[in-house]
């Protein structure tokens, strides 16, 4: 990359940091428990709205994985989720009524909290319907992964978003609080993915899966991006640029091997497609707070009216992370 392009990216990173600092005024602390943070704690950051039904299992899953403290921005929930989070002893929660879209879809809010609290800590940034898998996660906690990344001088770790879905109608089975969503949404597409490199930021751009196949069959290029970099050894100089799809400095996006080898990577099991999805999609379509005039939610609403079955004869039933490694959806690289 030339000197001019590099300089422009540094300026852009500075602008995002300044913007995040300004956006801090939009956040009202409801429960700030950051005084109990210890050196070396692993953090999780998330923005959410009306996800109360998902919270019990979400928190349990990541506590069991080894997360020590949760930083949550509640975007004006009215389902009791904010009150529930306020009662959790390892959760610090902020509330805002401001527009999700005007915060760059929550990125500004989380960039501020990461700038303020996360320097020197490993941080997971995920949505409440995303569940992080990494090599050996069935036998090793996330600290084993971060210790290995530290020893290898690796600052960021990628995970492909893998859309999970049930067999049959999405609303056929009711999801209950505390339930493992993979008990219902246990199928995924093992192929049907395209990958290209973003020349400006250096990250990979992945699309495909059931959302491209079912909701964007005639325009797969409009399907949501599936590439994410959710785990980062945070430094106050860093910023997320577009959700967790890319970061600055640019080098944090180079989470793959350009010379034919494999770098370790993970998967985010994406459990959007439960019986709660139809109501959620309609709410978000009416709010118009999502990317590109909520084109994604327009496609959801149109197809959901037909009660589509996302399952097809090529669908695979999820077993464990080793299955995903065999299918080439994640890799343990040289981590043994």
C-alpha atoms as a PDB file:
ATOM      1  CA  UNK A   1       0.000   0.000   0.000  1.00  0.00           C
ATOM      2  CA  UNK A   2       1.287   3.446  -0.922  1.00  0.00           C
ATOM      3  CA  UNK A   3       2.130   6.221   1.511  1.00  0.00           C
ATOM      4  CA  UNK A   4      -0.876   8.319   0.488  1.00  0.00           C
ATOM      5  CA  UNK A   5      -3.390   5.476   0.997  1.00  0.00           C
ATOM      6  CA  UNK A   6      -1.801   4.562   4.316  1.00  0.00           C
ATOM      7  CA  UNK A   7      -2.017   8.169   5.489  1.00  0.00           C
ATOM      8  CA  UNK A   8      -5.678   8.367   4.478  1.00  0.00           C
ATOM      9  CA  UNK A   9      -6.495   5.246   6.483  1.00  0.00           C
ATOM     10  CA  UNK A  10      -4.761   6.728   9.533  1.00  0.00           C
ATOM     11  CA  UNK A  11      -6.895   9.850   9.158  1.00  0.00           C
ATOM     12  CA  UNK A  12     -10.013   7.727   8.818  1.00  0.00           C
ATOM     13  CA  UNK A  13      -9.126   5.795  11.969  1.00  0.00           C
ATOM     14  CA  UNK A  14      -8.626   9.079  13.823  1.00  0.00           C
ATOM     15  CA  UNK A  15     -12.039  10.309  12.633  1.00  0.00           C
ATOM     16  CA  UNK A  16     -13.756   7.115  13.851  1.00  0.00           C
ATOM     17  CA  UNK A  17     -12.092   7.468  17.259  1.00  0.00           C
ATOM     18  CA  UNK A  18     -13.164  11.114  17.565  1.00  0.00           C
ATOM     19  CA  UNK A  19     -16.675  10.180  16.481  1.00  0.00           C
ATOM     20  CA  UNK A  20     -16.815   7.434  19.134  1.00  0.00           C
ATOM     21  CA  UNK A  21     -15.715   9.883  21.821  1.00  0.00           C
ATOM     22  CA  UNK A  22     -18.495  12.260  20.816  1.00  0.00           C
ATOM     23  CA  UNK A  23     -21.070   9.459  20.792  1.00  0.00           C
ATOM     24  CA  UNK A  24     -20.322   8.655  24.444  1.00  0.00           C
ATOM     25  CA  UNK A  25     -22.851  11.357  25.368  1.00  0.00           C
ATOM     26  CA  UNK A  26     -25.605   9.142  23.964  1.00  0.00           C
ATOM     27  CA  UNK A  27     -24.931   6.385  26.492  1.00  0.00           C
ATOM     28  CA  UNK A  28     -26.535   6.429  29.932  1.00  0.00           C
ATOM     29  CA  UNK A  29     -24.852   4.050  32.414  1.00  0.00           C
ATOM     30  CA  UNK A  30     -27.451   1.832  34.092  1.00  0.00           C
ATOM     31  CA  UNK A  31     -25.051  -0.525  35.907  1.00  0.00           C
ATOM     32  CA  UNK A  32     -21.335   0.172  35.651  1.00  0.00           C
ATOM     33  CA  UNK A  33     -19.469  -2.655  37.349  1.00  0.00           C
ATOM     34  CA  UNK A  34     -16.104  -2.002  35.717  1.00  0.00           C
ATOM     35  CA  UNK A  35     -14.431  -1.478  39.114  1.00  0.00           C
ATOM     36  CA  UNK A  36     -14.437  -5.240  39.557  1.00  0.00           C
ATOM     37  CA  UNK A  37     -12.386  -5.791  36.359  1.00  0.00           C
ATOM     38  CA  UNK A  38      -9.075  -7.564  36.873  1.00  0.00           C
ATOM     39  CA  UNK A  39      -5.948  -7.522  34.791  1.00  0.00           C
ATOM     40  CA  UNK A  40      -6.158 -10.130  32.040  1.00  0.00           C
ATOM     41  CA  UNK A  41      -9.950 -10.434  32.121  1.00  0.00           C
ATOM     42  CA  UNK A  42     -11.592 -11.390  28.842  1.00  0.00           C
ATOM     43  CA  UNK A  43     -14.426  -9.091  27.764  1.00  0.00           C
ATOM     44  CA  UNK A  44     -17.518  -9.395  25.598  1.00  0.00           C
ATOM     45  CA  UNK A  45     -19.129  -6.388  23.899  1.00  0.00           C
ATOM     46  CA  UNK A  46     -22.600  -6.334  22.351  1.00  0.00           C
ATOM     47  CA  UNK A  47     -25.382  -3.999  21.260  1.00  0.00           C
ATOM     48  CA  UNK A  48     -28.928  -5.306  21.491  1.00  0.00           C
ATOM     49  CA  UNK A  49     -32.603  -4.426  21.464  1.00  0.00           C
ATOM     50  CA  UNK A  50     -35.498  -6.584  22.710  1.00  0.00           C
ATOM     51  CA  UNK A  51     -33.472  -9.778  23.132  1.00  0.00           C
ATOM     52  CA  UNK A  52     -34.657 -10.761  26.611  1.00  0.00           C
ATOM     53  CA  UNK A  53     -35.639 -14.281  25.548  1.00  0.00           C
ATOM     54  CA  UNK A  54     -32.109 -14.937  24.300  1.00  0.00           C
ATOM     55  CA  UNK A  55     -30.176 -13.497  27.221  1.00  0.00           C
ATOM     56  CA  UNK A  56     -30.155 -16.422  29.728  1.00  0.00           C
ATOM     57  CA  UNK A  57     -28.509 -18.858  27.324  1.00  0.00           C
ATOM     58  CA  UNK A  58     -26.311 -16.177  25.721  1.00  0.00           C
ATOM     59  CA  UNK A  59     -24.782 -15.218  29.067  1.00  0.00           C
ATOM     60  CA  UNK A  60     -24.413 -18.836  30.188  1.00  0.00           C
ATOM     61  CA  UNK A  61     -22.727 -19.859  26.936  1.00  0.00           C
ATOM     62  CA  UNK A  62     -20.090 -17.154  27.134  1.00  0.00           C
ATOM     63  CA  UNK A  63     -19.550 -17.521  30.876  1.00  0.00           C
ATOM     64  CA  UNK A  64     -18.879 -21.222  30.301  1.00  0.00           C
ATOM     65  CA  UNK A  65     -16.517 -20.278  27.466  1.00  0.00           C
ATOM     66  CA  UNK A  66     -14.502 -18.119  29.858  1.00  0.00           C
ATOM     67  CA  UNK A  67     -15.710 -14.533  29.404  1.00  0.00           C
ATOM     68  CA  UNK A  68     -15.163 -12.544  32.608  1.00  0.00           C
ATOM     69  CA  UNK A  69     -17.130  -9.342  31.982  1.00  0.00           C
ATOM     70  CA  UNK A  70     -19.908  -8.237  29.616  1.00  0.00           C
ATOM     71  CA  UNK A  71     -20.305  -4.718  28.210  1.00  0.00           C
ATOM     72  CA  UNK A  72     -23.812  -4.307  26.795  1.00  0.00           C
ATOM     73  CA  UNK A  73     -25.439  -1.325  25.079  1.00  0.00           C
ATOM     74  CA  UNK A  74     -29.228  -1.589  25.253  1.00  0.00           C
ATOM     75  CA  UNK A  75     -30.873   0.328  22.414  1.00  0.00           C
ATOM     76  CA  UNK A  76     -34.168   1.203  24.118  1.00  0.00           C
ATOM     77  CA  UNK A  77     -35.548  -2.282  24.763  1.00  0.00           C
ATOM     78  CA  UNK A  78     -39.101  -2.587  26.069  1.00  0.00           C
ATOM     79  CA  UNK A  79     -39.208  -6.352  26.747  1.00  0.00           C
ATOM     80  CA  UNK A  80     -37.547  -6.396  30.183  1.00  0.00           C
ATOM     81  CA  UNK A  81     -34.090  -7.187  28.832  1.00  0.00           C
ATOM     82  CA  UNK A  82     -32.513  -4.051  30.293  1.00  0.00           C
ATOM     83  CA  UNK A  83     -33.798  -4.866  33.774  1.00  0.00           C
ATOM     84  CA  UNK A  84     -32.574  -8.448  33.456  1.00  0.00           C
ATOM     85  CA  UNK A  85     -29.085  -7.333  32.425  1.00  0.00           C
ATOM     86  CA  UNK A  86     -28.963  -4.837  35.280  1.00  0.00           C
ATOM     87  CA  UNK A  87     -29.279  -7.696  37.762  1.00  0.00           C
ATOM     88  CA  UNK A  88     -26.366  -9.716  36.387  1.00  0.00           C
ATOM     89  CA  UNK A  89     -23.234  -9.427  38.577  1.00  0.00           C
ATOM     90  CA  UNK A  90     -20.738  -9.597  35.687  1.00  0.00           C
ATOM     91  CA  UNK A  91     -22.564  -7.226  33.306  1.00  0.00           C
ATOM     92  CA  UNK A  92     -22.065  -3.504  32.823  1.00  0.00           C
ATOM     93  CA  UNK A  93     -24.946  -2.083  30.827  1.00  0.00           C
ATOM     94  CA  UNK A  94     -25.616   1.263  29.162  1.00  0.00           C
ATOM     95  CA  UNK A  95     -28.909   2.487  27.723  1.00  0.00           C
ATOM     96  CA  UNK A  96     -29.581   4.742  24.742  1.00  0.00           C
ATOM     97  CA  UNK A  97     -32.672   5.948  22.924  1.00  0.00           C
ATOM     98  CA  UNK A  98     -30.625   7.315  20.056  1.00  0.00           C
ATOM     99  CA  UNK A  99     -30.749   5.967  16.517  1.00  0.00           C
ATOM    100  CA  UNK A 100     -28.910   2.727  15.778  1.00  0.00           C
ATOM    101  CA  UNK A 101     -28.279   3.866  12.211  1.00  0.00           C
ATOM    102  CA  UNK A 102     -26.767   7.193  13.290  1.00  0.00           C
ATOM    103  CA  UNK A 103     -24.283   5.324  15.499  1.00  0.00           C
ATOM    104  CA  UNK A 104     -23.051   3.431  12.413  1.00  0.00           C
ATOM    105  CA  UNK A 105     -25.180   0.470  13.511  1.00  0.00           C
ATOM    106  CA  UNK A 106     -23.829   0.455  17.060  1.00  0.00           C
ATOM    107  CA  UNK A 107     -20.155   0.574  16.064  1.00  0.00           C
ATOM    108  CA  UNK A 108     -19.613   4.080  17.500  1.00  0.00           C
ATOM    109  CA  UNK A 109     -21.034   3.100  20.888  1.00  0.00           C
ATOM    110  CA  UNK A 110     -18.906  -0.015  21.195  1.00  0.00           C
ATOM    111  CA  UNK A 111     -15.801   1.745  19.864  1.00  0.00           C
ATOM    112  CA  UNK A 112     -16.175   4.219  22.734  1.00  0.00           C
ATOM    113  CA  UNK A 113     -16.564   1.537  25.395  1.00  0.00           C
ATOM    114  CA  UNK A 114     -13.595  -0.379  23.981  1.00  0.00           C
ATOM    115  CA  UNK A 115     -11.523   2.809  23.888  1.00  0.00           C
ATOM    116  CA  UNK A 116     -12.469   3.567  27.494  1.00  0.00           C
ATOM    117  CA  UNK A 117     -12.217   0.128  29.113  1.00  0.00           C
ATOM    118  CA  UNK A 118     -10.674  -2.524  26.859  1.00  0.00           C
ATOM    119  CA  UNK A 119      -7.054  -1.467  26.326  1.00  0.00           C
ATOM    120  CA  UNK A 120      -4.811  -4.504  26.819  1.00  0.00           C
ATOM    121  CA  UNK A 121      -7.685  -7.005  27.087  1.00  0.00           C
ATOM    122  CA  UNK A 122      -8.854  -9.701  24.701  1.00  0.00           C
ATOM    123  CA  UNK A 123     -12.350  -8.742  23.549  1.00  0.00           C
ATOM    124  CA  UNK A 124     -15.154 -10.639  21.824  1.00  0.00           C
ATOM    125  CA  UNK A 125     -17.660  -8.491  19.954  1.00  0.00           C
ATOM    126  CA  UNK A 126     -20.788 -10.447  19.029  1.00  0.00           C
ATOM    127  CA  UNK A 127     -24.541 -10.107  18.613  1.00  0.00           C
ATOM    128  CA  UNK A 128     -26.914 -11.915  21.009  1.00  0.00           C
ATOM    129  CA  UNK A 129     -27.725 -14.498  18.322  1.00  0.00           C
ATOM    130  CA  UNK A 130     -24.055 -15.349  17.608  1.00  0.00           C
ATOM    131  CA  UNK A 131     -22.130 -18.159  19.338  1.00  0.00           C
ATOM    132  CA  UNK A 132     -18.369 -18.287  18.960  1.00  0.00           C
ATOM    133  CA  UNK A 133     -16.633 -21.571  18.152  1.00  0.00           C
ATOM    134  CA  UNK A 134     -12.876 -22.039  17.939  1.00  0.00           C
ATOM    135  CA  UNK A 135     -10.633 -25.099  17.552  1.00  0.00           C
ATOM    136  CA  UNK A 136     -10.787 -27.385  20.619  1.00  0.00           C
ATOM    137  CA  UNK A 137     -13.573 -25.283  22.204  1.00  0.00           C
ATOM    138  CA  UNK A 138     -15.161 -28.486  23.480  1.00  0.00           C
ATOM    139  CA  UNK A 139     -12.157 -29.163  25.716  1.00  0.00           C
ATOM    140  CA  UNK A 140     -10.367 -25.811  26.126  1.00  0.00           C
ATOM    141  CA  UNK A 141     -11.585 -22.434  27.417  1.00  0.00           C
ATOM    142  CA  UNK A 142     -11.201 -19.274  25.393  1.00  0.00           C
ATOM    143  CA  UNK A 143      -8.195 -18.303  27.515  1.00  0.00           C
ATOM    144  CA  UNK A 144      -6.287 -21.225  26.002  1.00  0.00           C
ATOM    145  CA  UNK A 145      -6.897 -19.649  22.608  1.00  0.00           C
ATOM    146  CA  UNK A 146      -5.929 -16.137  23.694  1.00  0.00           C
ATOM    147  CA  UNK A 147      -2.783 -17.441  25.442  1.00  0.00           C
ATOM    148  CA  UNK A 148      -1.753 -19.167  22.214  1.00  0.00           C
ATOM    149  CA  UNK A 149      -2.512 -16.020  20.190  1.00  0.00           C
ATOM    150  CA  UNK A 150      -0.414 -13.961  22.624  1.00  0.00           C
ATOM    151  CA  UNK A 151       2.468 -16.431  22.350  1.00  0.00           C
ATOM    152  CA  UNK A 152       2.184 -16.265  18.560  1.00  0.00           C
ATOM    153  CA  UNK A 153       2.042 -12.421  18.536  1.00  0.00           C
ATOM    154  CA  UNK A 154      -1.373 -12.532  16.833  1.00  0.00           C
ATOM    155  CA  UNK A 155      -3.700  -9.633  17.675  1.00  0.00           C
ATOM    156  CA  UNK A 156      -6.928 -10.614  15.869  1.00  0.00           C
ATOM    157  CA  UNK A 157      -8.841 -13.809  15.147  1.00  0.00           C
ATOM    158  CA  UNK A 158     -11.472 -14.337  12.455  1.00  0.00           C
ATOM    159  CA  UNK A 159     -14.705 -16.325  12.466  1.00  0.00           C
ATOM    160  CA  UNK A 160     -17.060 -16.962   9.585  1.00  0.00           C
ATOM    161  CA  UNK A 161     -20.728 -16.308  10.322  1.00  0.00           C
ATOM    162  CA  UNK A 162     -22.589 -19.570   9.731  1.00  0.00           C
ATOM    163  CA  UNK A 163     -26.360 -19.202   9.431  1.00  0.00           C
ATOM    164  CA  UNK A 164     -28.201 -21.940  11.335  1.00  0.00           C
ATOM    165  CA  UNK A 165     -31.821 -22.869  10.633  1.00  0.00           C
ATOM    166  CA  UNK A 166     -34.441 -25.500  11.494  1.00  0.00           C
ATOM    167  CA  UNK A 167     -35.871 -28.112   9.159  1.00  0.00           C
ATOM    168  CA  UNK A 168     -39.366 -26.948   8.255  1.00  0.00           C
ATOM    169  CA  UNK A 169     -41.067 -23.666   9.036  1.00  0.00           C
ATOM    170  CA  UNK A 170     -39.122 -21.201  11.161  1.00  0.00           C
ATOM    171  CA  UNK A 171     -42.083 -20.705  13.487  1.00  0.00           C
ATOM    172  CA  UNK A 172     -42.869 -24.403  13.932  1.00  0.00           C
ATOM    173  CA  UNK A 173     -41.172 -24.640  17.347  1.00  0.00           C
ATOM    174  CA  UNK A 174     -41.191 -22.039  20.107  1.00  0.00           C
ATOM    175  CA  UNK A 175     -37.838 -20.986  21.502  1.00  0.00           C
ATOM    176  CA  UNK A 176     -37.830 -20.804  25.319  1.00  0.00           C
ATOM    177  CA  UNK A 177     -35.593 -18.693  27.594  1.00  0.00           C
ATOM    178  CA  UNK A 178     -32.456 -20.587  28.593  1.00  0.00           C
ATOM    179  CA  UNK A 179     -32.769 -23.084  25.755  1.00  0.00           C
ATOM    180  CA  UNK A 180     -29.850 -23.834  23.464  1.00  0.00           C
ATOM    181  CA  UNK A 181     -31.003 -22.328  20.139  1.00  0.00           C
ATOM    182  CA  UNK A 182     -29.031 -25.011  18.268  1.00  0.00           C
ATOM    183  CA  UNK A 183     -31.543 -27.528  19.616  1.00  0.00           C
ATOM    184  CA  UNK A 184     -33.958 -25.982  17.101  1.00  0.00           C
ATOM    185  CA  UNK A 185     -31.751 -24.319  14.475  1.00  0.00           C
ATOM    186  CA  UNK A 186     -29.273 -27.152  13.912  1.00  0.00           C
ATOM    187  CA  UNK A 187     -28.870 -27.147  10.101  1.00  0.00           C
ATOM    188  CA  UNK A 188     -26.511 -25.136   7.892  1.00  0.00           C
ATOM    189  CA  UNK A 189     -25.215 -24.814   4.338  1.00  0.00           C
ATOM    190  CA  UNK A 190     -21.846 -26.519   3.970  1.00  0.00           C
ATOM    191  CA  UNK A 191     -21.140 -24.865   0.602  1.00  0.00           C
ATOM    192  CA  UNK A 192     -22.590 -22.088  -1.543  1.00  0.00           C
ATOM    193  CA  UNK A 193     -20.099 -19.401  -0.430  1.00  0.00           C
ATOM    194  CA  UNK A 194     -18.119 -16.816  -2.375  1.00  0.00           C
ATOM    195  CA  UNK A 195     -14.959 -15.105  -1.150  1.00  0.00           C
ATOM    196  CA  UNK A 196     -13.150 -12.033  -2.439  1.00  0.00           C
ATOM    197  CA  UNK A 197     -10.583  -9.652  -1.017  1.00  0.00           C
ATOM    198  CA  UNK A 198     -11.371  -6.063  -0.068  1.00  0.00           C
ATOM    199  CA  UNK A 199      -8.461  -4.192  -1.661  1.00  0.00           C
ATOM    200  CA  UNK A 200      -8.834  -1.097   0.516  1.00  0.00           C
ATOM    201  CA  UNK A 201      -8.886  -2.708   3.973  1.00  0.00           C
ATOM    202  CA  UNK A 202      -7.387  -6.123   3.178  1.00  0.00           C
ATOM    203  CA  UNK A 203     -10.180  -8.166   4.765  1.00  0.00           C
ATOM    204  CA  UNK A 204     -11.946 -11.043   3.054  1.00  0.00           C
ATOM    205  CA  UNK A 205     -15.574 -10.556   1.962  1.00  0.00           C
ATOM    206  CA  UNK A 206     -17.693 -13.709   2.257  1.00  0.00           C
ATOM    207  CA  UNK A 207     -21.293 -14.116   1.088  1.00  0.00           C
ATOM    208  CA  UNK A 208     -23.660 -16.998   0.520  1.00  0.00           C
ATOM    209  CA  UNK A 209     -25.462 -19.583   2.615  1.00  0.00           C
ATOM    210  CA  UNK A 210     -29.221 -19.741   3.155  1.00  0.00           C
ATOM    211  CA  UNK A 211     -29.723 -15.973   3.195  1.00  0.00           C
ATOM    212  CA  UNK A 212     -28.262 -15.638  -0.305  1.00  0.00           C
ATOM    213  CA  UNK A 213     -29.996 -18.828  -1.460  1.00  0.00           C
ATOM    214  CA  UNK A 214     -33.481 -18.040  -0.118  1.00  0.00           C
ATOM    215  CA  UNK A 215     -33.753 -14.287   0.439  1.00  0.00           C
ATOM    216  CA  UNK A 216     -31.490 -12.979  -2.349  1.00  0.00           C
ATOM    217  CA  UNK A 217     -31.666 -15.677  -5.054  1.00  0.00           C
ATOM    218  CA  UNK A 218     -31.706 -13.133  -7.909  1.00  0.00           C
ATOM    219  CA  UNK A 219     -29.166 -10.740  -6.414  1.00  0.00           C
ATOM    220  CA  UNK A 220     -26.705 -12.759  -4.268  1.00  0.00           C
ATOM    221  CA  UNK A 221     -24.306  -9.805  -4.261  1.00  0.00           C
ATOM    222  CA  UNK A 222     -26.789  -8.028  -1.953  1.00  0.00           C
ATOM    223  CA  UNK A 223     -26.737 -10.833   0.605  1.00  0.00           C
ATOM    224  CA  UNK A 224     -25.255  -9.985   4.028  1.00  0.00           C
ATOM    225  CA  UNK A 225     -21.515 -10.342   4.589  1.00  0.00           C
ATOM    226  CA  UNK A 226     -20.447 -13.406   6.574  1.00  0.00           C
ATOM    227  CA  UNK A 227     -16.829 -12.459   7.324  1.00  0.00           C
ATOM    228  CA  UNK A 228     -16.146 -11.295  10.877  1.00  0.00           C
ATOM    229  CA  UNK A 229     -13.181 -10.575  13.143  1.00  0.00           C
ATOM    230  CA  UNK A 230     -14.863 -10.848  16.550  1.00  0.00           C
ATOM    231  CA  UNK A 231     -11.837 -11.523  18.784  1.00  0.00           C
ATOM    232  CA  UNK A 232      -9.207  -8.795  19.176  1.00  0.00           C
ATOM    233  CA  UNK A 233      -6.445  -7.990  21.684  1.00  0.00           C
ATOM    234  CA  UNK A 234      -7.685  -4.443  22.047  1.00  0.00           C
ATOM    235  CA  UNK A 235      -5.590  -1.325  21.915  1.00  0.00           C
ATOM    236  CA  UNK A 236      -7.029   2.176  22.358  1.00  0.00           C
ATOM    237  CA  UNK A 237      -5.702   3.035  18.885  1.00  0.00           C
ATOM    238  CA  UNK A 238      -7.985   0.455  17.231  1.00  0.00           C
ATOM    239  CA  UNK A 239     -11.465   0.965  15.784  1.00  0.00           C
ATOM    240  CA  UNK A 240     -14.015  -1.256  14.153  1.00  0.00           C
ATOM    241  CA  UNK A 241     -15.003   0.180  10.786  1.00  0.00           C
ATOM    242  CA  UNK A 242     -18.043  -1.798   9.634  1.00  0.00           C
ATOM    243  CA  UNK A 243     -19.665  -3.951  12.304  1.00  0.00           C
ATOM    244  CA  UNK A 244     -16.986  -6.575  13.049  1.00  0.00           C
ATOM    245  CA  UNK A 245     -16.297  -7.112   9.349  1.00  0.00           C
ATOM    246  CA  UNK A 246     -13.181  -4.920   9.342  1.00  0.00           C
ATOM    247  CA  UNK A 247     -10.900  -2.880  11.588  1.00  0.00           C
ATOM    248  CA  UNK A 248      -8.237  -0.233  11.510  1.00  0.00           C
ATOM    249  CA  UNK A 249      -5.247  -0.412  11.558  1.00  0.00           C
ATOM    250  CA  UNK A 250      -5.489  -2.404   8.345  1.00  0.00           C
ATOM    251  CA  UNK A 251      -3.099  -5.139   9.509  1.00  0.00           C
ATOM    252  CA  UNK A 252      -5.724  -6.475  11.936  1.00  0.00           C
ATOM    253  CA  UNK A 253      -7.756  -7.633   8.914  1.00  0.00           C
ATOM    254  CA  UNK A 254      -5.012  -9.951   7.613  1.00  0.00           C
ATOM    255  CA  UNK A 255      -6.376 -12.998   9.397  1.00  0.00           C
ATOM    256  CA  UNK A 256      -5.709 -15.411   6.520  1.00  0.00           C
ATOM    257  CA  UNK A 257      -2.612 -16.828   4.805  1.00  0.00           C
ATOM    258  CA  UNK A 258      -1.963 -15.375   1.341  1.00  0.00           C
ATOM    259  CA  UNK A 259       0.678 -17.974   0.483  1.00  0.00           C
ATOM    260  CA  UNK A 260      -1.420 -21.129   0.396  1.00  0.00           C
ATOM    261  CA  UNK A 261      -1.302 -22.172   4.044  1.00  0.00           C
ATOM    262  CA  UNK A 262      -4.001 -21.941   6.697  1.00  0.00           C
ATOM    263  CA  UNK A 263      -4.296 -19.650   9.691  1.00  0.00           C
ATOM    264  CA  UNK A 264      -6.381 -20.692  12.664  1.00  0.00           C
ATOM    265  CA  UNK A 265      -9.945 -19.414  12.472  1.00  0.00           C
ATOM    266  CA  UNK A 266     -13.323 -19.960  14.084  1.00  0.00           C
ATOM    267  CA  UNK A 267     -17.037 -19.852  13.350  1.00  0.00           C
ATOM    268  CA  UNK A 268     -19.928 -17.822  14.707  1.00  0.00           C
ATOM    269  CA  UNK A 269     -23.050 -19.961  14.778  1.00  0.00           C
ATOM    270  CA  UNK A 270     -25.756 -17.479  13.790  1.00  0.00           C
ATOM    271  CA  UNK A 271     -29.114 -18.446  15.289  1.00  0.00           C
ATOM    272  CA  UNK A 272     -31.285 -15.687  13.831  1.00  0.00           C
ATOM    273  CA  UNK A 273     -33.834 -18.077  12.346  1.00  0.00           C
ATOM    274  CA  UNK A 274     -36.041 -19.025  15.304  1.00  0.00           C
ATOM    275  CA  UNK A 275     -39.766 -18.456  15.753  1.00  0.00           C
ATOM    276  CA  UNK A 276     -38.958 -14.959  17.111  1.00  0.00           C
ATOM    277  CA  UNK A 277     -37.515 -13.897  13.769  1.00  0.00           C
ATOM    278  CA  UNK A 278     -40.688 -12.906  11.919  1.00  0.00           C
ATOM    279  CA  UNK A 279     -41.714 -10.397  14.579  1.00  0.00           C
ATOM    280  CA  UNK A 280     -38.143  -9.116  14.841  1.00  0.00           C
ATOM    281  CA  UNK A 281     -37.846  -8.662  11.084  1.00  0.00           C
ATOM    282  CA  UNK A 282     -41.098  -6.709  10.915  1.00  0.00           C
ATOM    283  CA  UNK A 283     -40.030  -4.471  13.809  1.00  0.00           C
ATOM    284  CA  UNK A 284     -36.675  -3.692  12.200  1.00  0.00           C
ATOM    285  CA  UNK A 285     -38.292  -3.064   8.834  1.00  0.00           C
ATOM    286  CA  UNK A 286     -40.581  -0.470  10.410  1.00  0.00           C
ATOM    287  CA  UNK A 287     -37.735   1.157  12.364  1.00  0.00           C
ATOM    288  CA  UNK A 288     -35.552   1.510   9.217  1.00  0.00           C
ATOM    289  CA  UNK A 289     -32.401   1.529  11.340  1.00  0.00           C
ATOM    290  CA  UNK A 290     -30.383  -0.978   9.319  1.00  0.00           C
ATOM    291  CA  UNK A 291     -27.922  -0.776   6.455  1.00  0.00           C
ATOM    292  CA  UNK A 292     -28.949   0.393   2.952  1.00  0.00           C
ATOM    293  CA  UNK A 293     -32.494   1.444   3.851  1.00  0.00           C
ATOM    294  CA  UNK A 294     -33.038  -1.942   5.548  1.00  0.00           C
ATOM    295  CA  UNK A 295     -32.904  -3.770   2.206  1.00  0.00           C
ATOM    296  CA  UNK A 296     -32.015  -6.965   4.076  1.00  0.00           C
ATOM    297  CA  UNK A 297     -35.166  -6.780   6.205  1.00  0.00           C
ATOM    298  CA  UNK A 298     -37.319  -5.954   3.186  1.00  0.00           C
ATOM    299  CA  UNK A 299     -36.165  -9.223   1.632  1.00  0.00           C
ATOM    300  CA  UNK A 300     -36.863 -11.065   4.882  1.00  0.00           C
ATOM    301  CA  UNK A 301     -40.389  -9.662   5.151  1.00  0.00           C
ATOM    302  CA  UNK A 302     -41.262 -10.553   1.566  1.00  0.00           C
ATOM    303  CA  UNK A 303     -40.102 -14.168   1.827  1.00  0.00           C
ATOM    304  CA  UNK A 304     -41.346 -14.743   5.358  1.00  0.00           C
ATOM    305  CA  UNK A 305     -44.853 -13.994   4.152  1.00  0.00           C
ATOM    306  CA  UNK A 306     -44.536 -17.227   2.162  1.00  0.00           C
ATOM    307  CA  UNK A 307     -43.381 -19.242   5.234  1.00  0.00           C
ATOM    308  CA  UNK A 308     -40.217 -20.500   3.530  1.00  0.00           C
ATOM    309  CA  UNK A 309     -38.359 -23.648   4.563  1.00  0.00           C
ATOM    310  CA  UNK A 310     -34.636 -22.816   4.584  1.00  0.00           C
ATOM    311  CA  UNK A 311     -33.722 -26.494   4.659  1.00  0.00           C
ATOM    312  CA  UNK A 312     -32.720 -28.141   1.372  1.00  0.00           C
ATOM    313  CA  UNK A 313     -31.333 -31.527   0.329  1.00  0.00           C
ATOM    314  CA  UNK A 314     -27.748 -30.213   0.646  1.00  0.00           C
ATOM    315  CA  UNK A 315     -28.233 -29.020   4.234  1.00  0.00           C
ATOM    316  CA  UNK A 316     -25.867 -30.424   6.882  1.00  0.00           C
ATOM    317  CA  UNK A 317     -26.832 -31.094  10.494  1.00  0.00           C
ATOM    318  CA  UNK A 318     -24.434 -29.529  12.978  1.00  0.00           C
ATOM    319  CA  UNK A 319     -22.386 -31.908  15.131  1.00  0.00           C
ATOM    320  CA  UNK A 320     -19.305 -30.085  16.446  1.00  0.00           C
ATOM    321  CA  UNK A 321     -16.388 -27.842  15.488  1.00  0.00           C
ATOM    322  CA  UNK A 322     -14.398 -30.756  14.045  1.00  0.00           C
ATOM    323  CA  UNK A 323     -17.144 -31.290  11.471  1.00  0.00           C
ATOM    324  CA  UNK A 324     -16.822 -27.617  10.460  1.00  0.00           C
ATOM    325  CA  UNK A 325     -13.052 -27.984  10.161  1.00  0.00           C
ATOM    326  CA  UNK A 326     -13.433 -31.005   7.861  1.00  0.00           C
ATOM    327  CA  UNK A 327     -15.822 -28.967   5.696  1.00  0.00           C
ATOM    328  CA  UNK A 328     -13.277 -26.140   5.477  1.00  0.00           C
ATOM    329  CA  UNK A 329     -15.404 -23.599   7.372  1.00  0.00           C
ATOM    330  CA  UNK A 330     -12.829 -23.150  10.142  1.00  0.00           C
ATOM    331  CA  UNK A 331      -9.229 -24.168  10.784  1.00  0.00           C
ATOM    332  CA  UNK A 332      -6.949 -24.951  13.698  1.00  0.00           C
ATOM    333  CA  UNK A 333      -3.933 -23.862  11.612  1.00  0.00           C
ATOM    334  CA  UNK A 334      -0.747 -24.711  13.494  1.00  0.00           C
ATOM    335  CA  UNK A 335      -2.417 -24.698  16.922  1.00  0.00           C
ATOM    336  CA  UNK A 336      -2.124 -28.232  18.232  1.00  0.00           C
END
